[in-house]
Structures are given as C-alpha cells and as structure tokens.
Protein backbone atom coordinates (compact mmCIF):
# COMPACT_ATOMS: atom_id res chain seq x y z
CA MET A 1 0.00 0.00 0.00
CA LYS A 2 2.70 2.49 -0.96
CA SER A 3 0.11 4.90 -2.32
CA ILE A 4 -1.59 5.26 1.07
CA ALA A 5 1.42 5.12 3.34
CA ALA A 6 3.35 7.61 1.21
CA SER A 7 0.57 10.17 1.31
CA ASN A 8 1.87 11.76 4.47
CA THR A 9 4.96 12.90 2.54
CA ALA A 10 2.89 15.09 0.23
CA ASN A 11 3.51 18.83 0.06
CA PRO A 12 1.52 20.21 3.00
CA ALA A 13 1.00 23.52 1.22
CA ALA A 14 -0.84 21.89 -1.68
CA GLY A 15 -4.55 21.62 -0.95
CA ALA A 16 -3.89 22.59 2.68
CA PRO A 17 -6.86 22.35 5.04
CA ASP A 18 -8.86 25.47 5.90
CA ASP A 19 -8.50 27.21 9.25
CA ASP A 20 -11.42 25.24 10.73
CA VAL A 21 -9.40 22.01 10.64
CA PRO A 22 -7.13 21.67 13.71
CA THR A 23 -3.39 21.46 13.27
CA ASP A 24 -2.44 19.33 16.27
CA ASP A 25 -4.64 16.24 16.36
CA LEU A 26 -2.43 13.38 17.57
CA SER A 27 -3.90 13.54 21.06
CA GLU A 28 -7.41 13.41 19.63
CA ALA A 29 -6.46 10.50 17.36
CA SER A 30 -5.33 8.47 20.36
CA ARG A 31 -8.79 8.91 21.89
CA LEU A 32 -10.62 7.48 18.88
CA ALA A 33 -12.45 4.22 19.43
CA LEU A 34 -11.53 1.26 17.24
CA ASP A 35 -14.81 1.52 15.35
CA ASP A 36 -14.08 5.18 14.57
CA VAL A 37 -10.65 4.25 13.21
CA ARG A 38 -12.25 1.49 11.15
CA ARG A 39 -14.74 3.88 9.56
CA LEU A 40 -12.05 6.41 8.77
CA CYS A 41 -9.82 3.74 7.20
CA GLN A 42 -12.69 2.52 5.04
CA THR A 43 -13.39 6.06 3.91
CA LEU A 44 -9.78 6.88 3.08
CA ALA A 45 -9.40 3.64 1.12
CA VAL A 46 -12.58 4.27 -0.88
CA GLU A 47 -11.39 7.80 -1.63
CA LEU A 48 -8.18 6.24 -2.93
CA GLY A 49 -10.21 4.11 -5.33
CA LEU A 50 -10.37 0.75 -3.51
CA THR A 51 -13.60 -1.25 -3.27
CA PRO A 52 -14.63 -2.79 0.11
CA ALA A 53 -14.64 -6.59 -0.07
CA GLY A 54 -14.95 -7.78 3.54
CA ILE A 55 -14.42 -7.07 7.22
CA GLN A 56 -13.27 -9.14 10.21
CA LEU A 57 -13.58 -7.79 13.75
CA TYR A 58 -11.14 -8.70 16.53
CA GLY A 59 -10.60 -7.46 20.05
CA SER A 60 -7.77 -5.00 19.43
CA HIS A 61 -7.89 -4.58 15.65
CA VAL A 62 -10.08 -4.79 12.56
CA ASP A 63 -9.07 -6.40 9.26
CA LEU A 64 -10.49 -4.67 6.18
CA LEU A 65 -10.33 -6.36 2.80
CA PHE A 66 -10.45 -4.31 -0.39
CA SER A 67 -10.23 -5.09 -4.06
CA SER A 68 -8.52 -3.07 -6.76
CA THR A 69 -7.94 -3.56 -10.44
CA VAL A 70 -4.49 -3.17 -11.97
CA LEU A 71 -4.13 -3.72 -15.71
CA LEU A 72 -7.62 -5.27 -15.67
CA ARG A 73 -6.57 -7.86 -13.09
CA PRO A 74 -8.38 -7.86 -9.72
CA ARG A 75 -6.26 -8.05 -6.59
CA GLN A 76 -6.91 -8.12 -2.86
CA VAL A 77 -5.57 -5.62 -0.35
CA LEU A 78 -5.58 -6.07 3.45
CA ILE A 79 -5.69 -3.08 5.80
CA ARG A 80 -5.44 -3.77 9.53
CA ALA A 81 -6.72 -0.89 11.68
CA THR A 82 -5.74 -0.78 15.35
CA THR A 83 -5.75 1.56 18.33
CA ASP A 84 -2.58 -0.08 19.67
CA PRO A 85 0.83 1.45 18.86
CA ALA A 86 2.37 -0.15 15.77
CA SER A 87 5.20 -2.60 16.43
CA ILE A 88 7.40 -4.95 14.43
CA LEU A 89 5.46 -7.90 15.88
CA ALA A 90 2.12 -6.39 14.79
CA LEU A 91 3.56 -5.76 11.32
CA ASP A 92 4.79 -9.36 11.07
CA ASN A 93 1.31 -10.59 12.01
CA VAL A 94 -0.31 -8.48 9.28
CA ARG A 95 2.22 -9.72 6.75
CA ALA A 96 1.47 -13.34 7.66
CA GLU A 97 -2.29 -12.78 7.48
CA ALA A 98 -1.98 -11.12 4.08
CA ALA A 99 0.07 -14.07 2.81
CA ASP A 100 -2.50 -16.58 4.10
CA ARG A 101 -5.30 -14.70 2.35
CA GLY A 102 -3.35 -14.36 -0.87
CA CYS A 103 -3.42 -10.56 -0.73
CA ALA A 104 -1.24 -8.62 -3.12
CA ASP A 105 -0.59 -5.85 -0.58
CA TYR A 106 -1.15 -4.96 3.07
CA LEU A 107 -1.04 -2.02 5.44
CA LEU A 108 -1.03 -1.59 9.22
CA VAL A 109 -2.82 1.60 10.36
CA SER A 110 -2.48 2.79 13.96
CA SER A 111 -4.12 5.76 15.68
CA HIS A 112 -1.51 5.72 18.50
CA PRO A 113 2.07 7.01 18.16
CA SER A 114 4.68 4.25 18.17
CA GLN A 115 8.10 4.16 19.78
CA ASP A 116 9.25 1.11 17.82
CA GLU A 117 12.15 2.31 15.66
CA GLN A 118 12.15 -0.95 13.68
CA ILE A 119 9.02 0.07 11.79
CA ALA A 120 10.07 3.65 11.09
CA GLY A 121 9.80 4.40 7.39
CA SER A 122 8.06 1.12 6.51
CA GLU A 123 5.86 1.44 3.43
CA HIS A 124 3.44 -1.02 5.07
CA VAL A 125 2.80 1.11 8.18
CA LEU A 126 0.68 4.24 8.46
CA ASP A 127 1.41 5.70 11.88
CA ALA A 128 -0.77 8.11 13.84
CA ALA A 129 0.78 11.20 12.24
CA GLY A 130 0.29 9.87 8.72
CA PHE A 131 -3.22 8.68 9.53
CA ILE A 132 -4.25 12.11 10.82
CA ASP A 133 -2.60 13.83 7.87
CA LEU A 134 -4.72 11.77 5.45
CA CYS A 135 -7.83 12.59 7.47
CA ARG A 136 -7.01 16.29 7.22
CA ARG A 137 -6.67 16.04 3.44
CA SER A 138 -9.78 13.96 2.89
CA ALA A 139 -12.88 15.58 1.41
CA MET A 140 -14.98 12.94 3.20
CA VAL A 141 -13.82 13.69 6.75
CA GLU A 142 -15.20 16.47 8.94
CA TRP A 143 -13.88 17.78 12.29
CA PRO A 144 -16.59 18.41 14.89
CA ASN A 145 -15.13 19.18 18.31
CA ARG A 146 -11.60 18.78 16.91
CA ARG A 147 -12.06 15.07 16.16
CA PRO A 148 -12.13 13.43 12.71
CA ARG A 149 -15.44 11.93 11.68
CA VAL A 150 -16.65 10.44 8.41
CA ARG A 151 -19.02 12.57 6.35
CA ARG A 152 -21.40 9.65 5.83
CA ALA A 153 -23.38 11.15 2.99
CA ALA A 154 -20.18 11.86 1.05
CA TYR A 155 -18.91 8.33 1.73
CA GLN A 156 -22.16 6.70 0.58
CA THR A 157 -22.19 8.82 -2.56
CA ALA A 158 -18.60 7.87 -3.33
CA ARG A 159 -19.44 4.17 -2.91
CA GLN A 160 -22.42 4.51 -5.26
CA ARG A 161 -20.40 6.30 -7.90
CA ALA A 162 -17.33 4.08 -7.70
CA GLU A 163 -18.37 1.44 -10.24
CA ALA A 164 -19.60 3.92 -12.84
CA LEU A 165 -16.56 6.14 -12.42
CA SER A 166 -14.15 3.23 -12.80
CA GLU A 167 -15.63 2.52 -16.23
CA LEU A 168 -16.37 6.01 -17.50
CA ASP A 169 -14.01 8.46 -15.86
CA VAL A 170 -11.36 9.81 -18.21
CA LEU A 171 -11.90 13.44 -17.24
CA GLY A 172 -11.17 13.59 -13.52
CA LEU A 173 -14.82 13.33 -12.45
CA ALA A 174 -13.78 11.25 -9.44
CA TRP A 175 -11.50 14.10 -8.34
CA LEU A 176 -14.10 16.84 -8.42
CA PRO A 177 -15.73 16.33 -4.96
CA ALA A 178 -12.31 16.44 -3.28
CA LEU A 179 -10.99 19.32 -5.39
CA ALA A 180 -14.17 21.32 -4.77
CA ARG A 181 -13.37 21.09 -1.05
CA HIS A 182 -9.79 22.24 -1.64
CA ARG A 183 -8.36 18.76 -1.17
CA LEU A 184 -5.88 17.08 -3.48
CA PRO A 185 -7.18 13.51 -3.97
CA PRO A 186 -4.66 10.72 -3.30
CA THR A 187 -3.94 10.32 -7.02
CA LEU A 188 -2.70 13.93 -7.14
CA ARG A 189 -1.06 14.03 -3.73
CA HIS A 190 2.42 14.75 -5.16
CA SER A 191 1.22 17.32 -7.68
CA THR A 192 2.81 20.75 -7.62
CA VAL A 193 -0.45 22.18 -8.99
CA THR A 194 -2.75 23.48 -6.26
CA ALA A 195 -6.19 22.00 -5.60
CA ASP A 196 -8.01 25.15 -6.70
CA GLU A 197 -6.26 25.20 -10.08
CA TRP A 198 -6.92 21.49 -10.58
CA PHE A 199 -10.55 22.19 -9.73
CA GLU A 200 -10.75 24.90 -12.37
CA ARG A 201 -9.15 22.61 -14.99
CA ALA A 202 -11.42 19.66 -14.20
CA VAL A 203 -14.65 21.70 -14.24
CA PHE A 204 -13.70 23.34 -17.54
CA CYS A 205 -12.82 19.96 -19.05
CA VAL A 206 -16.12 18.37 -17.96
CA ILE A 207 -18.23 21.24 -19.25
CA THR A 208 -16.49 21.54 -22.62
CA THR A 209 -16.02 17.79 -23.21
CA VAL A 210 -19.03 16.00 -21.71
CA PHE A 211 -21.54 18.76 -22.39
CA ARG A 212 -19.91 20.05 -25.59
CA VAL A 213 -20.08 23.68 -24.49
CA ASN A 214 -17.63 26.05 -26.18
CA GLY A 215 -15.12 27.61 -23.83
CA HIS A 216 -12.03 29.74 -23.39
CA ARG A 217 -9.97 29.69 -20.20
CA LEU A 218 -8.94 33.16 -19.12
CA GLY A 219 -5.54 32.04 -17.83
CA SER A 220 -3.47 32.61 -14.71
CA ALA A 221 -3.21 36.38 -15.16
CA SER A 222 -6.96 36.82 -15.09
CA ARG A 223 -7.29 34.28 -12.28
CA GLY A 224 -4.86 36.35 -10.21
CA LYS A 225 -7.14 39.34 -10.67
CA ARG A 226 -10.07 37.16 -9.58
CA VAL A 227 -12.37 37.96 -12.48
CA GLY A 228 -13.46 34.43 -13.28
CA ASP A 229 -11.80 31.38 -14.77
CA ALA A 230 -13.35 30.96 -18.22
CA LEU A 231 -15.85 32.22 -20.76
CA LEU A 232 -18.41 29.68 -22.02
CA TRP A 233 -20.85 30.09 -24.86
CA TRP A 234 -23.61 28.13 -26.63
CA ARG A 235 -26.62 29.12 -28.75
CA GLY A 236 -25.58 32.76 -28.77
CA ARG A 237 -25.33 32.98 -24.95
CA LEU A 238 -22.15 34.00 -23.15
CA VAL A 239 -21.36 32.91 -19.57
CA LEU A 240 -18.56 33.75 -17.13
CA LEU A 241 -17.45 30.67 -15.15
CA ASP A 242 -15.85 31.11 -11.72
CA CYS A 243 -14.71 27.96 -9.84
CA LYS A 244 -14.19 28.29 -6.08
CA ALA A 245 -12.59 25.40 -4.17
CA ALA A 246 -13.54 25.67 -0.49
CA TYR A 247 -13.56 23.04 2.26
CA SER A 248 -16.63 24.44 4.01
CA GLY A 249 -18.28 25.87 0.91
CA TYR A 250 -17.89 29.19 -0.87
CA ARG A 251 -19.18 32.48 0.51
CA LEU A 252 -19.31 35.24 -2.08
CA GLY A 253 -17.42 38.16 -0.57
CA VAL A 254 -17.94 41.83 -1.33
CA ASP A 255 -14.62 42.19 -3.18
CA ASP A 256 -15.26 39.14 -5.34
CA GLU A 257 -18.75 40.35 -6.10
CA ARG A 258 -17.50 43.78 -7.17
CA ARG A 259 -14.86 42.33 -9.49
CA LEU A 260 -17.31 39.89 -11.06
CA LEU A 261 -19.87 42.65 -11.54
CA ASP A 262 -17.29 44.89 -13.19
CA TYR A 263 -16.31 42.08 -15.54
CA ALA A 264 -19.92 41.16 -16.27
CA ARG A 265 -20.56 44.75 -17.42
CA GLN A 266 -17.78 44.58 -20.00
CA ARG A 267 -18.52 43.53 -23.56
CA GLN A 268 -16.72 40.40 -24.78
CA PRO A 269 -16.54 40.46 -28.59
CA GLY A 270 -15.43 37.57 -30.76
CA TYR A 271 -16.87 34.57 -28.91
CA CYS A 272 -20.47 34.33 -30.10
CA ASP A 273 -23.27 36.45 -31.50
CA SER A 274 -23.75 38.17 -28.16
CA GLU A 275 -21.00 40.28 -26.59
CA VAL A 276 -22.83 40.56 -23.27
CA ILE A 277 -22.26 38.12 -20.40
CA ASP A 278 -25.65 36.52 -19.91
CA CYS A 279 -24.83 34.93 -16.54
CA VAL A 280 -22.03 34.57 -13.98
CA VAL A 281 -21.87 30.91 -12.85
CA LEU A 282 -20.19 29.97 -9.55
CA VAL A 283 -19.15 26.33 -9.05
CA SER A 284 -18.09 25.13 -5.59
CA SER A 285 -18.63 22.38 -3.03
CA GLU A 286 -21.46 24.18 -1.23
CA PHE A 287 -22.89 27.67 -0.79
CA PRO A 288 -23.64 27.74 2.95
CA THR A 289 -24.48 31.44 3.23
CA PHE A 290 -27.07 31.32 0.47
CA ASP A 291 -28.48 28.00 1.66
CA ALA A 292 -28.92 29.31 5.20
CA ASP A 293 -30.51 32.56 4.05
CA PRO A 294 -32.01 32.43 0.53
CA LYS A 295 -32.80 36.15 0.70
CA ARG A 296 -29.08 36.92 0.61
CA PHE A 297 -28.79 35.12 -2.71
CA VAL A 298 -31.80 37.02 -4.07
CA GLU A 299 -30.13 40.31 -3.09
CA ARG A 300 -26.81 39.35 -4.66
CA ARG A 301 -28.53 38.11 -7.80
CA ARG A 302 -30.51 41.34 -8.12
CA ARG A 303 -27.29 43.35 -8.31
CA PHE A 304 -26.06 41.17 -11.19
CA GLN A 305 -29.41 41.55 -12.95
CA GLU A 306 -29.20 45.33 -12.55
CA ALA A 307 -25.79 45.13 -14.27
CA GLY A 308 -27.44 43.40 -17.24
CA SER A 309 -26.31 39.87 -16.32
CA ASN A 310 -27.44 37.15 -13.89
CA LEU A 311 -26.01 34.91 -11.16
CA ALA A 312 -26.20 31.13 -10.73
CA CYS A 313 -24.61 28.65 -8.30
CA VAL A 314 -23.84 25.00 -9.16
CA ARG A 315 -22.51 22.37 -6.74
CA ALA A 316 -19.61 20.26 -7.98
CA ASP A 317 -21.21 17.01 -6.77
CA ASP A 318 -24.31 17.78 -8.85
CA LEU A 319 -22.13 18.46 -11.89
CA VAL A 320 -20.55 14.99 -11.43
CA ASP A 321 -23.99 13.35 -11.31
CA ALA A 322 -25.08 15.21 -14.44
CA ALA A 323 -21.90 14.26 -16.31
CA LEU A 324 -22.36 10.60 -15.36
CA ALA A 325 -25.93 10.70 -16.63
CA MET A 326 -24.71 11.98 -19.99
CA LEU A 327 -21.82 9.50 -20.22
CA GLN A 328 -24.02 6.53 -19.33
CA ALA A 329 -26.57 7.44 -21.99
CA GLY A 330 -24.52 6.14 -24.91
CA ASP A 331 -22.07 7.20 -27.57
CA ASP A 332 -24.06 9.96 -29.29
CA THR A 333 -22.52 13.00 -27.63
CA ARG A 334 -24.55 15.37 -29.81
CA ARG A 335 -27.43 15.01 -27.36
CA ALA A 336 -25.41 16.98 -24.81
CA GLU A 337 -25.76 20.01 -27.06
CA SER A 338 -29.50 20.07 -26.42
CA VAL A 339 -29.22 20.54 -22.64
CA ALA A 340 -31.32 23.62 -21.88
CA TRP A 341 -28.67 25.45 -19.86
CA HIS A 342 -30.60 28.73 -19.85
CA ARG A 343 -33.46 26.97 -18.03
CA VAL A 344 -31.04 25.33 -15.60
CA LEU A 345 -29.20 28.54 -14.75
CA CYS A 346 -32.33 30.67 -14.46
CA GLN A 347 -33.09 28.73 -11.26
CA GLY A 348 -30.24 30.66 -9.61
CA MET A 349 -29.43 28.21 -6.84
CA VAL A 350 -29.34 25.23 -9.19
CA THR A 351 -30.64 22.02 -7.64
CA ASN A 352 -29.60 18.47 -8.44
CA ASP A 353 -33.13 17.72 -9.66
CA ARG A 354 -33.14 20.64 -12.09
CA LEU A 355 -29.72 19.76 -13.51
CA LEU A 356 -30.42 16.03 -13.87
CA GLY A 357 -33.86 16.77 -15.28
CA ALA A 358 -32.32 18.88 -18.06
CA CYS A 359 -29.82 16.13 -18.84
CA ARG A 360 -32.50 13.43 -18.95
CA ALA A 361 -34.64 15.58 -21.23
CA ALA A 362 -31.66 16.00 -23.56
CA ILE A 363 -30.96 12.26 -23.78
CA GLY A 364 -34.63 11.29 -23.91
CA GLY A 365 -34.61 9.52 -20.55
CA PRO A 366 -37.38 9.26 -17.94
C-alpha cells in the first residue's frame, strides 16, 4: 500500500486544510475508538479508489479487505486498523495474514504514536501522524469538536459512484468532490499544482467535453485578478465561469462580487453572437451562506441583474452526477448540445433535480 502510506509525505502547502481544521490532532487521534478508526480507514481507502470486499472484527484490531484492479486484473488488499501502537510484531502478524489470504498488498494503520524504531519508514505502516494527515486532506472527513469523523453522505455517494466512475471516468470526475473542497485527492497528492487550479481545470474539461459547451480559459493572469476562470458560450449565450474550491463551501465576498460585476458589465466580442455576459456561474462544493438565508442570494442576484447579467450557483457534486448521466446514456454526444442550460441557470441556486432533469430531457430519458 505504498500509495496510502506515502501520502503523508505530500507537500503540506498543496490543498492545505482550511483554518477550521485543527493542526495538532495526535492527542485526539489516540482517543478514537476502534470503530471510529475502522470507519475512517474505510473512507480513506474508498477515496483512494479501492472497493470494500470484507471485514473481520477482533478485540484490538479490525481487518479490512479491499479489491482493486491493476491492468484489468483484480487483486486483494488487506488493511489492519488498530488503536494499539504499531510494532514490528504487529507488522509481522499483518504480513502473515496477508500471505495466508493471498493478498497482493497490506497495510497496518495505527491511531496511536509508536516508539518502535524498527518500523520507522516502513511502506506497510501508516502511523498516527500519517493517519491524521490523510484525514485532514480527505474531502470525506469532517472535524466536529476537533475530532475526525466520516461525512457519511459523502462516503455513501462515493461508494455509489465508484463502479460507474471506474468505467467512465477519463476526465477527472472522481476528483471533483475532493478538489471542490480544496483537497488534493490521493492520485494527485504529489502534484505541484494546487487544488483550486486542478478544480478549475477539471470543471472546464467536464463542461467543454461531456456537455460540448464552447469555452475559453482566461488564464493565470486573469485568475490572479479574480475575475473568473473561463468564458463559455452556446446558442448565442455567453457565460462567465468562476470555480471556487472551499472546504466548508464558498461564501461570495464583497470584493469578489464587485470584481465579477465589473467584468460582467464589459462587452466580450469575438466569442459568439452576443457580446454581453448573460450569466455569472459559480461552481463550488457548497454555498452555505445562500443555503442558510435564501434572501441573501436574491439580493446578490438582483445586483447582477441590474448590471445586465445574472447569477447562478452550481454544486460540484451535482455536476458529477449530471456528467455521469450523460456519459451513461450512450455514444451519441450530440445530445449533450440540447441541454437547456438557460433553463437550468435561471433557477439561480441550481438544484440536483433541475440539472439532472435537463440532462435526462436531452438524452430522452425518464
């Protein structure tokens, strides 16, 4: 399990957690019950792309079996989760168990710091520090009362999507939920590109490839000025796309709003029949301020409408579901061109039902 155990060597500045995630959690990790550690291990493994295949409970540890596919060949992986400090004896026991089960790989995960120098640096051991580091980076772990806990809805969604994504994902769809929450997924853990830039790239790729929308990325200079990430256009309509990676969801600030409004007022010749930005579209993990108080969104949207444009918010998870619906519908990608985006975006706070409904109408589904 090199890919998991090595994750704690990733650049801590890339996709770093927001301020609401604690920075010193080893003491809290040592207080976790074995069942908590088991749930977190399952979640981290699923986020890595493994598929749960079995579980065996013991007094002081839990054995988790996973399957993965390498070069179209299935293989078994054993992860032993324990609240005891890791030791060379415990590692030998895991190795023997993995051999008996015919597993291709194995990993010992401990939530307690170890003093055993013989296991230091082992690629088959994830110590407490590495375990907590992965929890910090995970898009499926939350931190109530300074303790890591699985975001169950996110975990269940990831499990449901796993099979479809393994067959259809060539665009980074599986990355989007993590990137939207400013987390580098395990596959990108050594990337020198930040999570927010990966998020922008992935969203642009999905929109222009799966949905066949024309687009032009504005580039790093424009991104530094915070005036949006790309221009999109279809059927004579011009849209400004702004992707915002945020662990706890994006809150549209006054400065961002002013810059976007200024840009929305400018004419953009040369892209389509219209030179006017029809709508500013925000894509993020969540929009907690607007969800908590819908009137605030109405007020913000009114200012964009007064500037001759509009405002819409789309959740990254909903965009993944919509893209999967299109990809699963068959090989005729022309149907994506008939998605009624103007009807989707006119909802403002775009819901999953509205987005999926437009996709199903385009592909002729129920």
